[in-house]
Amino acid sequence: MILAQAAQGRPVSSVLVLALQLYTFVLFAHVIFSWIPRTPEPLVPFQLGVRKLVDPVLTPLRRVIPPLRIGGIALDLSILVVFFGISLLLLPLAASLPF
């Protein structure tokens, strides 16, 4: 359905929207994997693939944005910044699509 709509109107915008939405799912997978102390053996290759996609974006942000210390834990704010940035990018791109 999205590919048919991409063929009409604005293919670049629709491809960017699709790519950003897919990356959002990759970020969600990263968050879920970060909650699992020991990943089950069949999911380790998937976890490593997710990490390879997410680390190039998060590593520079982690150097700039320190983790928020809450008691004995540290909350990584860089992933929240990436989620917020993606949503800011998606708003004008999705609004320009002829859906």
Foldseek 3Di string as FASTA:
>chain_A
DLVVLLVPDPVVLSVLLVVLVVLVVLLVVQVVVVVDPDDPPVCVVVNVVSCVVCVVQQVVVCVVDPFDDDPPDTHRCSSVVSVVVSVVVNVVSVVPRPD
